[in-house]
C-alpha atoms as a PDB file:
ATOM      1  CA  MET A   1      -6.701  -2.689 -45.721  1.00  0.00           C
ATOM      2  CA  GLY A   2      -4.492  -5.321 -46.633  1.00  0.00           C
ATOM      3  CA  ILE A   3      -1.927  -7.947 -45.685  1.00  0.00           C
ATOM      4  CA  ARG A   4       1.507  -9.283 -47.226  1.00  0.00           C
ATOM      5  CA  HIS A   5       4.268 -11.871 -46.641  1.00  0.00           C
ATOM      6  CA  PHE A   6       7.201  -9.866 -45.018  1.00  0.00           C
ATOM      7  CA  THR A   7      10.026  -9.770 -47.712  1.00  0.00           C
ATOM      8  CA  TYR A   8      13.593  -9.070 -47.755  1.00  0.00           C
ATOM      9  CA  GLU A   9      12.991  -5.617 -50.052  1.00  0.00           C
ATOM     10  CA  ASP A  10      10.349  -4.276 -47.224  1.00  0.00           C
ATOM     11  CA  GLY A  11      13.958  -3.790 -45.001  1.00  0.00           C
ATOM     12  CA  ALA A  12      14.392  -0.174 -45.746  1.00  0.00           C
ATOM     13  CA  GLU A  13      10.459   1.300 -44.933  1.00  0.00           C
ATOM     14  CA  PHE A  14       9.807  -1.366 -41.781  1.00  0.00           C
ATOM     15  CA  THR A  15      13.006  -0.277 -39.948  1.00  0.00           C
ATOM     16  CA  ALA A  16      12.903   3.454 -40.599  1.00  0.00           C
ATOM     17  CA  ARG A  17       8.923   2.970 -38.967  1.00  0.00           C
ATOM     18  CA  ALA A  18      10.260   0.947 -36.516  1.00  0.00           C
ATOM     19  CA  ARG A  19      12.884   4.020 -35.236  1.00  0.00           C
ATOM     20  CA  GLU A  20       9.705   6.176 -35.838  1.00  0.00           C
ATOM     21  CA  SER A  21       8.180   3.898 -33.585  1.00  0.00           C
ATOM     22  CA  GLN A  22      10.696   3.373 -30.317  1.00  0.00           C
ATOM     23  CA  GLU A  23       8.211   5.389 -28.269  1.00  0.00           C
ATOM     24  CA  LEU A  24       5.011   3.539 -28.727  1.00  0.00           C
ATOM     25  CA  HIS A  25       6.929   0.286 -28.648  1.00  0.00           C
ATOM     26  CA  GLN A  26       8.601   0.435 -25.318  1.00  0.00           C
ATOM     27  CA  PRO A  27       8.764  -1.687 -23.309  1.00  0.00           C
ATOM     28  CA  TRP A  28       6.540  -4.167 -24.882  1.00  0.00           C
ATOM     29  CA  LEU A  29       8.584  -4.873 -28.141  1.00  0.00           C
ATOM     30  CA  PHE A  30      11.742  -4.648 -30.216  1.00  0.00           C
ATOM     31  CA  PRO A  31      11.114  -4.728 -33.917  1.00  0.00           C
ATOM     32  CA  PRO A  32      14.847  -4.399 -35.612  1.00  0.00           C
ATOM     33  CA  THR A  33      15.595  -0.918 -36.694  1.00  0.00           C
ATOM     34  CA  SER A  34      18.736  -1.410 -38.752  1.00  0.00           C
ATOM     35  CA  SER A  35      18.876  -3.271 -42.076  1.00  0.00           C
ATOM     36  CA  PRO A  36      21.027  -6.398 -40.740  1.00  0.00           C
ATOM     37  CA  ALA A  37      18.685  -7.066 -38.112  1.00  0.00           C
ATOM     38  CA  TYR A  38      15.815  -6.427 -40.078  1.00  0.00           C
ATOM     39  CA  THR A  39      17.543  -9.018 -42.291  1.00  0.00           C
ATOM     40  CA  ALA A  40      17.525 -11.684 -39.717  1.00  0.00           C
ATOM     41  CA  TYR A  41      13.924 -10.918 -38.504  1.00  0.00           C
ATOM     42  CA  ALA A  42      12.586 -11.512 -41.853  1.00  0.00           C
ATOM     43  CA  GLY A  43      14.334 -14.703 -42.914  1.00  0.00           C
ATOM     44  CA  ARG A  44      13.139 -16.076 -39.963  1.00  0.00           C
ATOM     45  CA  LEU A  45       9.807 -15.145 -40.940  1.00  0.00           C
ATOM     46  CA  ILE A  46      10.254 -16.249 -44.435  1.00  0.00           C
ATOM     47  CA  GLU A  47      12.012 -19.592 -44.299  1.00  0.00           C
ATOM     48  CA  ASP A  48      11.162 -21.167 -40.897  1.00  0.00           C
ATOM     49  CA  PRO A  49       7.882 -22.979 -41.660  1.00  0.00           C
ATOM     50  CA  ALA A  50       6.336 -22.629 -37.958  1.00  0.00           C
ATOM     51  CA  LYS A  51       6.485 -19.425 -38.800  1.00  0.00           C
ATOM     52  CA  ALA A  52       4.624 -16.730 -40.621  1.00  0.00           C
ATOM     53  CA  GLY A  53       4.673 -13.305 -40.869  1.00  0.00           C
ATOM     54  CA  PHE A  54       2.464 -10.060 -42.420  1.00  0.00           C
ATOM     55  CA  LEU A  55       2.894  -7.010 -42.971  1.00  0.00           C
ATOM     56  CA  VAL A  56      -0.603  -5.006 -42.364  1.00  0.00           C
ATOM     57  CA  CYS A  57      -0.917  -2.337 -45.396  1.00  0.00           C
ATOM     58  CA  GLU A  58      -3.053   0.275 -46.195  1.00  0.00           C
ATOM     59  CA  LYS A  59      -4.155  -0.091 -49.610  1.00  0.00           C
ATOM     60  CA  ALA A  60      -3.252   1.750 -52.502  1.00  0.00           C
ATOM     61  CA  PRO A  61      -4.741   2.733 -55.925  1.00  0.00           C
ATOM     62  CA  GLU A  62      -2.389  -0.219 -57.315  1.00  0.00           C
ATOM     63  CA  SER A  63      -3.729  -3.089 -54.945  1.00  0.00           C
ATOM     64  CA  GLY A  64      -4.780  -6.323 -56.410  1.00  0.00           C
ATOM     65  CA  GLU A  65      -8.056  -7.046 -56.248  1.00  0.00           C
ATOM     66  CA  ASP A  66      -7.167 -10.558 -54.078  1.00  0.00           C
ATOM     67  CA  GLY A  67      -6.412  -7.720 -51.000  1.00  0.00           C
ATOM     68  CA  VAL A  68      -2.739  -8.235 -51.361  1.00  0.00           C
ATOM     69  CA  ALA A  69      -1.973  -4.548 -50.014  1.00  0.00           C
ATOM     70  CA  ALA A  70       0.766  -2.639 -52.414  1.00  0.00           C
ATOM     71  CA  GLY A  71       0.505   0.521 -49.707  1.00  0.00           C
ATOM     72  CA  ALA A  72       2.821   2.539 -46.932  1.00  0.00           C
ATOM     73  CA  VAL A  73       3.254  -0.224 -44.217  1.00  0.00           C
ATOM     74  CA  ALA A  74       1.240   0.235 -40.843  1.00  0.00           C
ATOM     75  CA  GLY A  75       2.227  -2.401 -38.781  1.00  0.00           C
ATOM     76  CA  PHE A  76       2.902  -6.406 -38.634  1.00  0.00           C
ATOM     77  CA  ILE A  77       1.730  -9.515 -37.427  1.00  0.00           C
ATOM     78  CA  ASN A  78       3.327 -12.174 -36.718  1.00  0.00           C
ATOM     79  CA  ILE A  79       2.064 -16.199 -36.357  1.00  0.00           C
ATOM     80  CA  ASN A  80       5.064 -17.867 -34.245  1.00  0.00           C
ATOM     81  CA  ASN A  81       5.147 -21.822 -32.992  1.00  0.00           C
ATOM     82  CA  ILE A  82       2.720 -23.013 -35.799  1.00  0.00           C
ATOM     83  CA  VAL A  83       2.211 -26.455 -35.010  1.00  0.00           C
ATOM     84  CA  GLN A  84       0.429 -28.571 -37.350  1.00  0.00           C
ATOM     85  CA  GLY A  85      -1.074 -32.290 -36.667  1.00  0.00           C
ATOM     86  CA  GLY A  86      -3.962 -32.385 -33.576  1.00  0.00           C
ATOM     87  CA  PHE A  87      -2.965 -29.169 -31.770  1.00  0.00           C
ATOM     88  CA  GLN A  88      -3.501 -26.538 -35.067  1.00  0.00           C
ATOM     89  CA  ASN A  89      -2.335 -23.399 -33.588  1.00  0.00           C
ATOM     90  CA  GLY A  90       0.090 -20.536 -33.223  1.00  0.00           C
ATOM     91  CA  ALA A  91       0.936 -17.707 -31.276  1.00  0.00           C
ATOM     92  CA  LEU A  92       0.367 -13.914 -32.721  1.00  0.00           C
ATOM     93  CA  GLY A  93       2.740 -11.102 -32.049  1.00  0.00           C
ATOM     94  CA  TYR A  94       1.911  -7.568 -33.468  1.00  0.00           C
ATOM     95  CA  GLY A  95       2.727  -4.416 -33.113  1.00  0.00           C
ATOM     96  CA  ALA A  96       1.641  -0.401 -35.437  1.00  0.00           C
ATOM     97  CA  PHE A  97       3.651   1.844 -36.334  1.00  0.00           C
ATOM     98  CA  ALA A  98       3.310   4.865 -34.746  1.00  0.00           C
ATOM     99  CA  HIS A  99       2.137   6.979 -37.775  1.00  0.00           C
ATOM    100  CA  ALA A 100      -0.993   4.483 -38.306  1.00  0.00           C
ATOM    101  CA  ALA A 101      -1.407   3.476 -34.491  1.00  0.00           C
ATOM    102  CA  GLY A 102      -5.164   4.583 -32.872  1.00  0.00           C
ATOM    103  CA  ARG A 103      -6.540   4.748 -36.411  1.00  0.00           C
ATOM    104  CA  GLY A 104      -7.875   0.704 -36.018  1.00  0.00           C
ATOM    105  CA  LEU A 105      -5.951  -0.336 -39.375  1.00  0.00           C
ATOM    106  CA  MET A 106      -4.757  -3.027 -36.424  1.00  0.00           C
ATOM    107  CA  ARG A 107      -7.878  -4.729 -35.926  1.00  0.00           C
ATOM    108  CA  GLU A 108      -8.521  -4.632 -39.781  1.00  0.00           C
ATOM    109  CA  GLY A 109      -4.790  -6.250 -40.160  1.00  0.00           C
ATOM    110  CA  LEU A 110      -5.370  -8.280 -37.512  1.00  0.00           C
ATOM    111  CA  ASP A 111      -9.014  -9.718 -38.520  1.00  0.00           C
ATOM    112  CA  LEU A 112      -7.528 -10.784 -41.762  1.00  0.00           C
ATOM    113  CA  VAL A 113      -4.767 -12.810 -40.704  1.00  0.00           C
ATOM    114  CA  ILE A 114      -7.393 -14.580 -38.646  1.00  0.00           C
ATOM    115  CA  GLY A 115      -8.707 -15.296 -41.319  1.00  0.00           C
ATOM    116  CA  TYR A 116      -5.723 -16.878 -43.008  1.00  0.00           C
ATOM    117  CA  ALA A 117      -4.417 -18.652 -40.409  1.00  0.00           C
ATOM    118  CA  PHE A 118      -8.476 -20.156 -40.054  1.00  0.00           C
ATOM    119  CA  GLY A 119      -9.329 -20.356 -43.638  1.00  0.00           C
ATOM    120  CA  PRO A 120      -5.492 -21.521 -46.008  1.00  0.00           C
ATOM    121  CA  MET A 121      -3.189 -22.503 -43.185  1.00  0.00           C
ATOM    122  CA  ARG A 122      -5.798 -24.798 -41.517  1.00  0.00           C
ATOM    123  CA  LEU A 123      -5.053 -23.422 -38.441  1.00  0.00           C
ATOM    124  CA  HIS A 124      -7.731 -24.062 -35.429  1.00  0.00           C
ATOM    125  CA  ARG A 125      -6.038 -21.608 -32.358  1.00  0.00           C
ATOM    126  CA  LEU A 126      -4.180 -18.664 -32.187  1.00  0.00           C
ATOM    127  CA  GLU A 127      -2.903 -17.467 -28.462  1.00  0.00           C
ATOM    128  CA  ILE A 128      -1.769 -14.043 -27.404  1.00  0.00           C
ATOM    129  CA  ASN A 129       0.360 -13.430 -24.972  1.00  0.00           C
ATOM    130  CA  VAL A 130      -0.020  -9.733 -24.012  1.00  0.00           C
ATOM    131  CA  GLN A 131       1.784  -8.535 -20.383  1.00  0.00           C
ATOM    132  CA  PRO A 132      -0.567  -7.060 -18.064  1.00  0.00           C
ATOM    133  CA  GLY A 133       0.138  -3.400 -18.305  1.00  0.00           C
ATOM    134  CA  ASN A 134      -0.085  -3.036 -22.491  1.00  0.00           C
ATOM    135  CA  ALA A 135      -4.026  -1.345 -22.623  1.00  0.00           C
ATOM    136  CA  ALA A 136      -3.583  -1.448 -26.134  1.00  0.00           C
ATOM    137  CA  SER A 137      -2.211  -4.689 -26.801  1.00  0.00           C
ATOM    138  CA  ILE A 138      -5.514  -6.288 -24.652  1.00  0.00           C
ATOM    139  CA  ALA A 139      -7.690  -3.699 -26.127  1.00  0.00           C
ATOM    140  CA  LEU A 140      -6.940  -4.871 -29.823  1.00  0.00           C
ATOM    141  CA  ALA A 141      -7.340  -8.818 -28.621  1.00  0.00           C
ATOM    142  CA  ARG A 142     -10.373  -8.229 -27.265  1.00  0.00           C
ATOM    143  CA  SER A 143     -11.901  -6.395 -30.477  1.00  0.00           C
ATOM    144  CA  CYS A 144     -11.110  -9.234 -32.618  1.00  0.00           C
ATOM    145  CA  GLY A 145     -12.927 -11.905 -30.535  1.00  0.00           C
ATOM    146  CA  PHE A 146     -10.240 -13.489 -28.485  1.00  0.00           C
ATOM    147  CA  ARG A 147     -11.141 -14.526 -24.406  1.00  0.00           C
ATOM    148  CA  LEU A 148      -8.479 -14.126 -21.757  1.00  0.00           C
ATOM    149  CA  GLU A 149      -7.684 -17.917 -20.524  1.00  0.00           C
ATOM    150  CA  GLY A 150      -5.593 -17.547 -17.704  1.00  0.00           C
ATOM    151  CA  PHE A 151      -2.255 -15.761 -16.280  1.00  0.00           C
ATOM    152  CA  SER A 152       1.394 -16.914 -16.872  1.00  0.00           C
ATOM    153  CA  PRO A 153       4.207 -15.004 -13.849  1.00  0.00           C
ATOM    154  CA  ASP A 154       7.870 -14.728 -15.720  1.00  0.00           C
ATOM    155  CA  MET A 155       6.251 -16.130 -18.543  1.00  0.00           C
ATOM    156  CA  ILE A 156       9.021 -14.552 -21.940  1.00  0.00           C
ATOM    157  CA  PHE A 157      12.097 -12.786 -21.156  1.00  0.00           C
ATOM    158  CA  VAL A 158      11.597  -9.053 -22.728  1.00  0.00           C
ATOM    159  CA  ASP A 159      13.584  -5.951 -22.232  1.00  0.00           C
ATOM    160  CA  GLY A 160      15.958  -7.654 -19.742  1.00  0.00           C
ATOM    161  CA  ALA A 161      13.311  -9.315 -17.521  1.00  0.00           C
ATOM    162  CA  TRP A 162      10.902 -12.564 -17.210  1.00  0.00           C
ATOM    163  CA  ARG A 163       7.695 -10.787 -17.546  1.00  0.00           C
ATOM    164  CA  ASP A 164       4.146 -11.708 -16.615  1.00  0.00           C
ATOM    165  CA  HIS A 165       1.225 -12.287 -19.624  1.00  0.00           C
ATOM    166  CA  GLU A 166      -2.288 -12.481 -20.135  1.00  0.00           C
ATOM    167  CA  ARG A 167      -3.175 -15.119 -22.076  1.00  0.00           C
ATOM    168  CA  TRP A 168      -5.796 -14.830 -24.963  1.00  0.00           C
ATOM    169  CA  ALA A 169      -6.753 -16.931 -27.409  1.00  0.00           C
ATOM    170  CA  VAL A 170      -9.762 -17.426 -30.235  1.00  0.00           C
ATOM    171  CA  THR A 171     -10.691 -20.569 -32.133  1.00  0.00           C
ATOM    172  CA  ALA A 172     -11.854 -21.261 -35.641  1.00  0.00           C
ATOM    173  CA  GLY A 173     -15.273 -22.539 -34.185  1.00  0.00           C
ATOM    174  CA  MET A 174     -15.792 -19.084 -32.026  1.00  0.00           C
ATOM    175  CA  ARG A 175     -15.038 -16.974 -35.066  1.00  0.00           C
ATOM    176  CA  ALA A 176     -17.634 -19.175 -36.862  1.00  0.00           C
ATOM    177  CA  SER A 177     -20.484 -18.423 -34.261  1.00  0.00           C
ATOM    178  CA  GLY A 178     -19.744 -14.975 -33.453  1.00  0.00           C
END
């Protein structure tokens, strides 16, 4: 597995995979399924310094030695609401595509993104907000060393309603010691 930043050129593959994965994603997640929606979505991740978007890719033979993936897109992981200074924090969002679900690929990808966030990005803390019924997302957070920190009723507007979320977090120190 490898990770790489989003590009505008990834739109056709990303939207095709998102359309194939709608049953898997809903009601938790609604990634873009059309070219205009992808362009707007990717643009925010590419151009906004408070966001960083990564594609989780299966490594192909032409993948670089530096871990940059050149293979099929298996999923995506975004770091949103990045705050520098004394906070050094970001909020993660992620999704696997149906062809890759249940194969451990997102676990590897999330480990790589966490390493990048705590390394070159110099963040201290990452948070994940998960709807309590999303067992797969909670299992992924737990498997990557996130700890449950609390419960927030009516926290995020998803699929037409304000939804409760569990708050999970990991710090650079937790990763270094664990």
